[in-house]
């Protein structure tokens, strides 16, 4: 694993090499995916402040649609009412 507090760069490199999906509210991962080749897959969560249970339910409900966008998508942004995909 990556340890208790891995840096963004450590997460990025591990995700890229292991073909993981980075799920984050942090726009830094979105920006990095746009300029990096090849980037790991990034799910940019744009739900605002929600309780953990609501977050988990929303993401679980949308996950099949999110997953269907990969591997072509670089970034899938998740909103309450829609997905936005960057290829």
PDB file of N, CA and C in Angstrom:
ATOM      1  N   UNK A   1       0.834  -1.189   0.000  1.00  0.00           N
ATOM      2  CA  UNK A   1       0.000   0.000   0.000  1.00  0.00           C
ATOM      3  C   UNK A   1       0.876   1.248   0.000  1.00  0.00           C
ATOM      4  N   UNK A   2       0.227   2.369   0.069  1.00  0.00           N
ATOM      5  CA  UNK A   2       0.929   3.641  -0.042  1.00  0.00           C
ATOM      6  C   UNK A   2       1.277   4.275   1.295  1.00  0.00           C
ATOM      7  N   UNK A   3       0.774   3.755   2.380  1.00  0.00           N
ATOM      8  CA  UNK A   3       1.071   4.354   3.663  1.00  0.00           C
ATOM      9  C   UNK A   3      -0.046   5.272   4.131  1.00  0.00           C
ATOM     10  N   UNK A   4       0.195   5.931   5.230  1.00  0.00           N
ATOM     11  CA  UNK A   4      -0.834   6.736   5.886  1.00  0.00           C
ATOM     12  C   UNK A   4      -1.164   8.015   5.130  1.00  0.00           C
ATOM     13  N   UNK A   5      -0.175   8.755   4.701  1.00  0.00           N
ATOM     14  CA  UNK A   5      -0.403  10.040   4.023  1.00  0.00           C
ATOM     15  C   UNK A   5       0.461  10.149   2.769  1.00  0.00           C
ATOM     16  N   UNK A   6       0.098   9.416   1.726  1.00  0.00           N
ATOM     17  CA  UNK A   6       0.909   9.496   0.510  1.00  0.00           C
ATOM     18  C   UNK A   6       0.733  10.855  -0.168  1.00  0.00           C
ATOM     19  N   UNK A   7       1.752  11.281  -0.862  1.00  0.00           N
ATOM     20  CA  UNK A   7       1.662  12.530  -1.617  1.00  0.00           C
ATOM     21  C   UNK A   7       0.810  12.297  -2.860  1.00  0.00           C
ATOM     22  N   UNK A   8       0.344  13.387  -3.460  1.00  0.00           N
ATOM     23  CA  UNK A   8      -0.405  13.275  -4.706  1.00  0.00           C
ATOM     24  C   UNK A   8       0.426  12.564  -5.767  1.00  0.00           C
ATOM     25  N   UNK A   9       1.719  12.869  -5.814  1.00  0.00           N
ATOM     26  CA  UNK A   9       2.592  12.239  -6.811  1.00  0.00           C
ATOM     27  C   UNK A   9       2.708  10.740  -6.588  1.00  0.00           C
ATOM     28  N   UNK A  10       2.771  10.313  -5.327  1.00  0.00           N
ATOM     29  CA  UNK A  10       2.834   8.886  -5.032  1.00  0.00           C
ATOM     30  C   UNK A  10       1.536   8.191  -5.457  1.00  0.00           C
ATOM     31  N   UNK A  11       0.412   8.806  -5.159  1.00  0.00           N
ATOM     32  CA  UNK A  11      -0.880   8.249  -5.563  1.00  0.00           C
ATOM     33  C   UNK A  11      -0.954   8.168  -7.086  1.00  0.00           C
ATOM     34  N   UNK A  12      -0.562   9.256  -7.745  1.00  0.00           N
ATOM     35  CA  UNK A  12      -0.609   9.344  -9.200  1.00  0.00           C
ATOM     36  C   UNK A  12       0.213   8.237  -9.859  1.00  0.00           C
ATOM     37  N   UNK A  13       1.453   8.119  -9.443  1.00  0.00           N
ATOM     38  CA  UNK A  13       2.343   7.131 -10.057  1.00  0.00           C
ATOM     39  C   UNK A  13       1.879   5.709  -9.791  1.00  0.00           C
ATOM     40  N   UNK A  14       1.433   5.441  -8.586  1.00  0.00           N
ATOM     41  CA  UNK A  14       0.955   4.094  -8.268  1.00  0.00           C
ATOM     42  C   UNK A  14      -0.300   3.776  -9.073  1.00  0.00           C
ATOM     43  N   UNK A  15      -1.213   4.736  -9.173  1.00  0.00           N
ATOM     44  CA  UNK A  15      -2.441   4.522  -9.940  1.00  0.00           C
ATOM     45  C   UNK A  15      -2.124   4.285 -11.412  1.00  0.00           C
ATOM     46  N   UNK A  16      -1.185   5.038 -11.933  1.00  0.00           N
ATOM     47  CA  UNK A  16      -0.807   4.880 -13.340  1.00  0.00           C
ATOM     48  C   UNK A  16      -0.170   3.515 -13.591  1.00  0.00           C
ATOM     49  N   UNK A  17       0.748   3.114 -12.736  1.00  0.00           N
ATOM     50  CA  UNK A  17       1.456   1.853 -12.954  1.00  0.00           C
ATOM     51  C   UNK A  17       0.586   0.629 -12.676  1.00  0.00           C
ATOM     52  N   UNK A  18      -0.343   0.741 -11.735  1.00  0.00           N
ATOM     53  CA  UNK A  18      -1.192  -0.397 -11.362  1.00  0.00           C
ATOM     54  C   UNK A  18      -2.557  -0.369 -12.057  1.00  0.00           C
ATOM     55  N   UNK A  19      -2.800   0.680 -12.880  1.00  0.00           N
ATOM     56  CA  UNK A  19      -4.068   0.855 -13.584  1.00  0.00           C
ATOM     57  C   UNK A  19      -5.243   0.964 -12.616  1.00  0.00           C
ATOM     58  N   UNK A  20      -5.045   1.781 -11.580  1.00  0.00           N
ATOM     59  CA  UNK A  20      -6.089   2.088 -10.607  1.00  0.00           C
ATOM     60  C   UNK A  20      -6.881   3.294 -11.088  1.00  0.00           C
ATOM     61  N   UNK A  21      -8.028   3.506 -10.473  1.00  0.00           N
ATOM     62  CA  UNK A  21      -8.836   4.695 -10.697  1.00  0.00           C
ATOM     63  C   UNK A  21      -8.648   5.607  -9.491  1.00  0.00           C
ATOM     64  N   UNK A  22      -8.268   6.854  -9.739  1.00  0.00           N
ATOM     65  CA  UNK A  22      -8.149   7.844  -8.673  1.00  0.00           C
ATOM     66  C   UNK A  22      -9.518   8.509  -8.532  1.00  0.00           C
ATOM     67  N   UNK A  23     -10.112   8.404  -7.354  1.00  0.00           N
ATOM     68  CA  UNK A  23     -11.392   9.050  -7.060  1.00  0.00           C
ATOM     69  C   UNK A  23     -11.092  10.157  -6.064  1.00  0.00           C
ATOM     70  N   UNK A  24     -11.353  11.402  -6.477  1.00  0.00           N
ATOM     71  CA  UNK A  24     -10.965  12.528  -5.638  1.00  0.00           C
ATOM     72  C   UNK A  24     -11.839  13.744  -5.876  1.00  0.00           C
ATOM     73  N   UNK A  25     -11.985  14.556  -4.842  1.00  0.00           N
ATOM     74  CA  UNK A  25     -12.633  15.865  -4.980  1.00  0.00           C
ATOM     75  C   UNK A  25     -11.598  16.922  -5.364  1.00  0.00           C
ATOM     76  N   UNK A  26     -10.338  16.567  -5.330  1.00  0.00           N
ATOM     77  CA  UNK A  26      -9.226  17.474  -5.568  1.00  0.00           C
ATOM     78  C   UNK A  26      -9.061  17.762  -7.065  1.00  0.00           C
ATOM     79  N   UNK A  27      -9.221  19.010  -7.452  1.00  0.00           N
ATOM     80  CA  UNK A  27      -9.090  19.397  -8.862  1.00  0.00           C
ATOM     81  C   UNK A  27      -7.670  19.226  -9.381  1.00  0.00           C
ATOM     82  N   UNK A  28      -6.698  19.117  -8.498  1.00  0.00           N
ATOM     83  CA  UNK A  28      -5.316  18.913  -8.948  1.00  0.00           C
ATOM     84  C   UNK A  28      -5.190  17.642  -9.794  1.00  0.00           C
ATOM     85  N   UNK A  29      -5.912  16.587  -9.425  1.00  0.00           N
ATOM     86  CA  UNK A  29      -5.853  15.349 -10.209  1.00  0.00           C
ATOM     87  C   UNK A  29      -6.492  15.543 -11.578  1.00  0.00           C
ATOM     88  N   UNK A  30      -7.561  16.303 -11.647  1.00  0.00           N
ATOM     89  CA  UNK A  30      -8.192  16.618 -12.921  1.00  0.00           C
ATOM     90  C   UNK A  30      -7.216  17.352 -13.824  1.00  0.00           C
ATOM     91  N   UNK A  31      -6.606  18.397 -13.325  1.00  0.00           N
ATOM     92  CA  UNK A  31      -5.662  19.184 -14.131  1.00  0.00           C
ATOM     93  C   UNK A  31      -4.462  18.351 -14.564  1.00  0.00           C
ATOM     94  N   UNK A  32      -3.989  17.533 -13.681  1.00  0.00           N
ATOM     95  CA  UNK A  32      -2.832  16.697 -14.002  1.00  0.00           C
ATOM     96  C   UNK A  32      -3.178  15.682 -15.100  1.00  0.00           C
ATOM     97  N   UNK A  33      -4.394  15.157 -15.064  1.00  0.00           N
ATOM     98  CA  UNK A  33      -4.811  14.185 -16.078  1.00  0.00           C
ATOM     99  C   UNK A  33      -4.876  14.811 -17.463  1.00  0.00           C
ATOM    100  N   UNK A  34      -5.179  16.090 -17.524  1.00  0.00           N
ATOM    101  CA  UNK A  34      -5.299  16.766 -18.812  1.00  0.00           C
ATOM    102  C   UNK A  34      -3.956  16.985 -19.497  1.00  0.00           C
ATOM    103  N   UNK A  35      -2.880  17.032 -18.728  1.00  0.00           N
ATOM    104  CA  UNK A  35      -1.563  17.312 -19.309  1.00  0.00           C
ATOM    105  C   UNK A  35      -0.601  16.128 -19.237  1.00  0.00           C
ATOM    106  N   UNK A  36      -1.035  15.024 -18.694  1.00  0.00           N
ATOM    107  CA  UNK A  36      -0.166  13.875 -18.517  1.00  0.00           C
ATOM    108  C   UNK A  36      -0.525  12.781 -19.519  1.00  0.00           C
ATOM    109  N   UNK A  37       0.489  12.143 -20.047  1.00  0.00           N
ATOM    110  CA  UNK A  37       0.248  11.043 -20.972  1.00  0.00           C
ATOM    111  C   UNK A  37       1.149   9.875 -20.633  1.00  0.00           C
ATOM    112  N   UNK A  38       0.625   8.728 -20.411  1.00  0.00           N
ATOM    113  CA  UNK A  38      -0.797   8.471 -20.196  1.00  0.00           C
ATOM    114  C   UNK A  38      -1.145   8.698 -18.726  1.00  0.00           C
ATOM    115  N   UNK A  39      -2.280   9.269 -18.457  1.00  0.00           N
ATOM    116  CA  UNK A  39      -2.668   9.459 -17.059  1.00  0.00           C
ATOM    117  C   UNK A  39      -3.349   8.203 -16.520  1.00  0.00           C
ATOM    118  N   UNK A  40      -3.428   8.077 -15.191  1.00  0.00           N
ATOM    119  CA  UNK A  40      -4.334   7.054 -14.665  1.00  0.00           C
ATOM    120  C   UNK A  40      -5.759   7.558 -14.885  1.00  0.00           C
ATOM    121  N   UNK A  41      -6.721   6.708 -14.732  1.00  0.00           N
ATOM    122  CA  UNK A  41      -8.107   7.140 -14.827  1.00  0.00           C
ATOM    123  C   UNK A  41      -8.438   7.978 -13.606  1.00  0.00           C
ATOM    124  N   UNK A  42      -9.196   9.041 -13.811  1.00  0.00           N
ATOM    125  CA  UNK A  42      -9.541   9.950 -12.717  1.00  0.00           C
ATOM    126  C   UNK A  42     -11.055  10.142 -12.681  1.00  0.00           C
ATOM    127  N   UNK A  43     -11.623   9.968 -11.494  1.00  0.00           N
ATOM    128  CA  UNK A  43     -13.016  10.313 -11.247  1.00  0.00           C
ATOM    129  C   UNK A  43     -12.987  11.533 -10.347  1.00  0.00           C
ATOM    130  N   UNK A  44     -13.422  12.660 -10.908  1.00  0.00           N
ATOM    131  CA  UNK A  44     -13.421  13.926 -10.174  1.00  0.00           C
ATOM    132  C   UNK A  44     -14.817  14.111  -9.575  1.00  0.00           C
ATOM    133  N   UNK A  45     -14.909  14.019  -8.277  1.00  0.00           N
ATOM    134  CA  UNK A  45     -16.183  14.082  -7.571  1.00  0.00           C
ATOM    135  C   UNK A  45     -16.553  15.533  -7.338  1.00  0.00           C
ATOM    136  N   UNK A  46     -17.695  15.939  -7.860  1.00  0.00           N
ATOM    137  CA  UNK A  46     -18.160  17.330  -7.774  1.00  0.00           C
ATOM    138  C   UNK A  46     -19.512  17.389  -7.071  1.00  0.00           C
ATOM    139  N   UNK A  47     -19.602  16.788  -5.900  1.00  0.00           N
ATOM    140  CA  UNK A  47     -20.861  16.700  -5.176  1.00  0.00           C
ATOM    141  C   UNK A  47     -20.992  17.737  -4.071  1.00  0.00           C
ATOM    142  N   UNK A  48     -19.974  18.544  -3.858  1.00  0.00           N
ATOM    143  CA  UNK A  48     -20.035  19.498  -2.754  1.00  0.00           C
ATOM    144  C   UNK A  48     -19.919  18.780  -1.422  1.00  0.00           C
ATOM    145  N   UNK A  49     -20.337  19.434  -0.380  1.00  0.00           N
ATOM    146  CA  UNK A  49     -20.286  18.834   0.949  1.00  0.00           C
ATOM    147  C   UNK A  49     -21.522  17.978   1.176  1.00  0.00           C
ATOM    148  N   UNK A  50     -21.297  16.686   1.248  1.00  0.00           N
ATOM    149  CA  UNK A  50     -22.379  15.744   1.529  1.00  0.00           C
ATOM    150  C   UNK A  50     -21.898  14.767   2.593  1.00  0.00           C
ATOM    151  N   UNK A  51     -22.836  14.196   3.295  1.00  0.00           N
ATOM    152  CA  UNK A  51     -22.493  13.181   4.295  1.00  0.00           C
ATOM    153  C   UNK A  51     -21.894  11.959   3.593  1.00  0.00           C
ATOM    154  N   UNK A  52     -21.046  11.238   4.305  1.00  0.00           N
ATOM    155  CA  UNK A  52     -20.359  10.085   3.733  1.00  0.00           C
ATOM    156  C   UNK A  52     -21.350   9.075   3.171  1.00  0.00           C
ATOM    157  N   UNK A  53     -22.423   8.810   3.884  1.00  0.00           N
ATOM    158  CA  UNK A  53     -23.401   7.837   3.404  1.00  0.00           C
ATOM    159  C   UNK A  53     -24.032   8.286   2.085  1.00  0.00           C
ATOM    160  N   UNK A  54     -24.362   9.564   1.976  1.00  0.00           N
ATOM    161  CA  UNK A  54     -24.937  10.100   0.742  1.00  0.00           C
ATOM    162  C   UNK A  54     -23.917   9.993  -0.386  1.00  0.00           C
ATOM    163  N   UNK A  55     -22.663  10.347  -0.101  1.00  0.00           N
ATOM    164  CA  UNK A  55     -21.584  10.232  -1.080  1.00  0.00           C
ATOM    165  C   UNK A  55     -21.477   8.798  -1.591  1.00  0.00           C
ATOM    166  N   UNK A  56     -21.436   7.843  -0.669  1.00  0.00           N
ATOM    167  CA  UNK A  56     -21.295   6.442  -1.057  1.00  0.00           C
ATOM    168  C   UNK A  56     -22.482   5.959  -1.888  1.00  0.00           C
ATOM    169  N   UNK A  57     -23.688   6.355  -1.494  1.00  0.00           N
ATOM    170  CA  UNK A  57     -24.878   5.945  -2.235  1.00  0.00           C
ATOM    171  C   UNK A  57     -24.894   6.540  -3.641  1.00  0.00           C
ATOM    172  N   UNK A  58     -24.579   7.828  -3.745  1.00  0.00           N
ATOM    173  CA  UNK A  58     -24.558   8.477  -5.062  1.00  0.00           C
ATOM    174  C   UNK A  58     -23.510   7.845  -5.969  1.00  0.00           C
ATOM    175  N   UNK A  59     -22.308   7.664  -5.440  1.00  0.00           N
ATOM    176  CA  UNK A  59     -21.239   7.099  -6.258  1.00  0.00           C
ATOM    177  C   UNK A  59     -21.539   5.652  -6.643  1.00  0.00           C
ATOM    178  N   UNK A  60     -22.070   4.873  -5.716  1.00  0.00           N
ATOM    179  CA  UNK A  60     -22.419   3.480  -6.021  1.00  0.00           C
ATOM    180  C   UNK A  60     -23.489   3.414  -7.102  1.00  0.00           C
ATOM    181  N   UNK A  61     -24.465   4.311  -7.041  1.00  0.00           N
ATOM    182  CA  UNK A  61     -25.519   4.320  -8.043  1.00  0.00           C
ATOM    183  C   UNK A  61     -25.034   4.719  -9.418  1.00  0.00           C
ATOM    184  N   UNK A  62     -24.049   5.610  -9.459  1.00  0.00           N
ATOM    185  CA  UNK A  62     -23.519   6.086 -10.740  1.00  0.00           C
ATOM    186  C   UNK A  62     -22.341   5.260 -11.255  1.00  0.00           C
ATOM    187  N   UNK A  63     -21.768   4.429 -10.408  1.00  0.00           N
ATOM    188  CA  UNK A  63     -20.525   3.740 -10.763  1.00  0.00           C
ATOM    189  C   UNK A  63     -20.613   2.920 -12.052  1.00  0.00           C
ATOM    190  N   UNK A  64     -21.693   2.184 -12.324  1.00  0.00           N
ATOM    191  CA  UNK A  64     -21.726   1.455 -13.603  1.00  0.00           C
ATOM    192  C   UNK A  64     -21.576   2.385 -14.809  1.00  0.00           C
ATOM    193  N   UNK A  65     -22.181   3.556 -14.759  1.00  0.00           N
ATOM    194  CA  UNK A  65     -22.040   4.523 -15.854  1.00  0.00           C
ATOM    195  C   UNK A  65     -20.622   5.086 -15.906  1.00  0.00           C
ATOM    196  N   UNK A  66     -20.033   5.336 -14.741  1.00  0.00           N
ATOM    197  CA  UNK A  66     -18.657   5.842 -14.681  1.00  0.00           C
ATOM    198  C   UNK A  66     -17.714   4.801 -15.281  1.00  0.00           C
ATOM    199  N   UNK A  67     -17.845   3.592 -14.812  1.00  0.00           N
ATOM    200  CA  UNK A  67     -16.958   2.514 -15.253  1.00  0.00           C
ATOM    201  C   UNK A  67     -17.078   2.253 -16.753  1.00  0.00           C
ATOM    202  N   UNK A  68     -18.255   2.441 -17.311  1.00  0.00           N
ATOM    203  CA  UNK A  68     -18.468   2.215 -18.740  1.00  0.00           C
ATOM    204  C   UNK A  68     -17.692   3.207 -19.600  1.00  0.00           C
ATOM    205  N   UNK A  69     -17.302   4.336 -19.044  1.00  0.00           N
ATOM    206  CA  UNK A  69     -16.549   5.353 -19.795  1.00  0.00           C
ATOM    207  C   UNK A  69     -15.070   5.012 -19.943  1.00  0.00           C
ATOM    208  N   UNK A  70     -14.557   4.134 -19.087  1.00  0.00           N
ATOM    209  CA  UNK A  70     -13.156   3.756 -19.151  1.00  0.00           C
ATOM    210  C   UNK A  70     -13.013   2.537 -20.047  1.00  0.00           C
ATOM    211  N   UNK A  71     -11.963   2.368 -20.815  1.00  0.00           N
ATOM    212  CA  UNK A  71     -10.685   3.059 -20.742  1.00  0.00           C
ATOM    213  C   UNK A  71     -10.558   4.279 -21.643  1.00  0.00           C
ATOM    214  N   UNK A  72     -11.575   4.609 -22.420  1.00  0.00           N
ATOM    215  CA  UNK A  72     -11.441   5.740 -23.343  1.00  0.00           C
ATOM    216  C   UNK A  72     -11.332   7.089 -22.641  1.00  0.00           C
ATOM    217  N   UNK A  73     -12.026   7.264 -21.533  1.00  0.00           N
ATOM    218  CA  UNK A  73     -12.034   8.547 -20.828  1.00  0.00           C
ATOM    219  C   UNK A  73     -10.756   8.750 -20.027  1.00  0.00           C
ATOM    220  N   UNK A  74     -10.301   9.996 -19.982  1.00  0.00           N
ATOM    221  CA  UNK A  74      -9.217  10.375 -19.072  1.00  0.00           C
ATOM    222  C   UNK A  74      -9.806  10.714 -17.706  1.00  0.00           C
ATOM    223  N   UNK A  75     -10.904  11.498 -17.752  1.00  0.00           N
ATOM    224  CA  UNK A  75     -11.532  11.991 -16.532  1.00  0.00           C
ATOM    225  C   UNK A  75     -13.040  11.859 -16.666  1.00  0.00           C
ATOM    226  N   UNK A  76     -13.667  11.392 -15.601  1.00  0.00           N
ATOM    227  CA  UNK A  76     -15.119  11.430 -15.499  1.00  0.00           C
ATOM    228  C   UNK A  76     -15.440  12.282 -14.273  1.00  0.00           C
ATOM    229  N   UNK A  77     -16.134  13.401 -14.501  1.00  0.00           N
ATOM    230  CA  UNK A  77     -16.558  14.255 -13.396  1.00  0.00           C
ATOM    231  C   UNK A  77     -17.976  13.866 -13.014  1.00  0.00           C
ATOM    232  N   UNK A  78     -18.182  13.642 -11.722  1.00  0.00           N
ATOM    233  CA  UNK A  78     -19.457  13.182 -11.201  1.00  0.00           C
ATOM    234  C   UNK A  78     -20.146  14.328 -10.476  1.00  0.00           C
ATOM    235  N   UNK A  79     -21.329  14.675 -10.952  1.00  0.00           N
ATOM    236  CA  UNK A  79     -22.181  15.686 -10.326  1.00  0.00           C
ATOM    237  C   UNK A  79     -23.440  14.984  -9.807  1.00  0.00           C
ATOM    238  N   UNK A  80     -24.252  15.693  -9.042  1.00  0.00           N
ATOM    239  CA  UNK A  80     -25.505  15.114  -8.544  1.00  0.00           C
ATOM    240  C   UNK A  80     -26.408  14.666  -9.686  1.00  0.00           C
ATOM    241  N   UNK A  81     -26.435  15.406 -10.781  1.00  0.00           N
ATOM    242  CA  UNK A  81     -27.400  15.179 -11.828  1.00  0.00           C
ATOM    243  C   UNK A  81     -26.810  14.738 -13.169  1.00  0.00           C
ATOM    244  N   UNK A  82     -25.489  14.576 -13.238  1.00  0.00           N
ATOM    245  CA  UNK A  82     -24.897  14.222 -14.527  1.00  0.00           C
ATOM    246  C   UNK A  82     -23.443  13.782 -14.383  1.00  0.00           C
ATOM    247  N   UNK A  83     -22.934  13.225 -15.479  1.00  0.00           N
ATOM    248  CA  UNK A  83     -21.509  12.933 -15.617  1.00  0.00           C
ATOM    249  C   UNK A  83     -20.980  13.794 -16.743  1.00  0.00           C
ATOM    250  N   UNK A  84     -19.745  14.261 -16.598  1.00  0.00           N
ATOM    251  CA  UNK A  84     -19.051  14.931 -17.687  1.00  0.00           C
ATOM    252  C   UNK A  84     -17.785  14.140 -17.953  1.00  0.00           C
ATOM    253  N   UNK A  85     -17.554  13.837 -19.233  1.00  0.00           N
ATOM    254  CA  UNK A  85     -16.453  12.960 -19.613  1.00  0.00           C
ATOM    255  C   UNK A  85     -15.466  13.734 -20.472  1.00  0.00           C
ATOM    256  N   UNK A  86     -14.182  13.581 -20.140  1.00  0.00           N
ATOM    257  CA  UNK A  86     -13.096  14.145 -20.939  1.00  0.00           C
ATOM    258  C   UNK A  86     -12.300  12.979 -21.497  1.00  0.00           C
ATOM    259  N   UNK A  87     -12.211  12.963 -22.823  1.00  0.00           N
ATOM    260  CA  UNK A  87     -11.465  11.879 -23.488  1.00  0.00           C
ATOM    261  C   UNK A  87     -10.134  12.377 -23.966  1.00  0.00           C
TER     262      UNK A  87
END
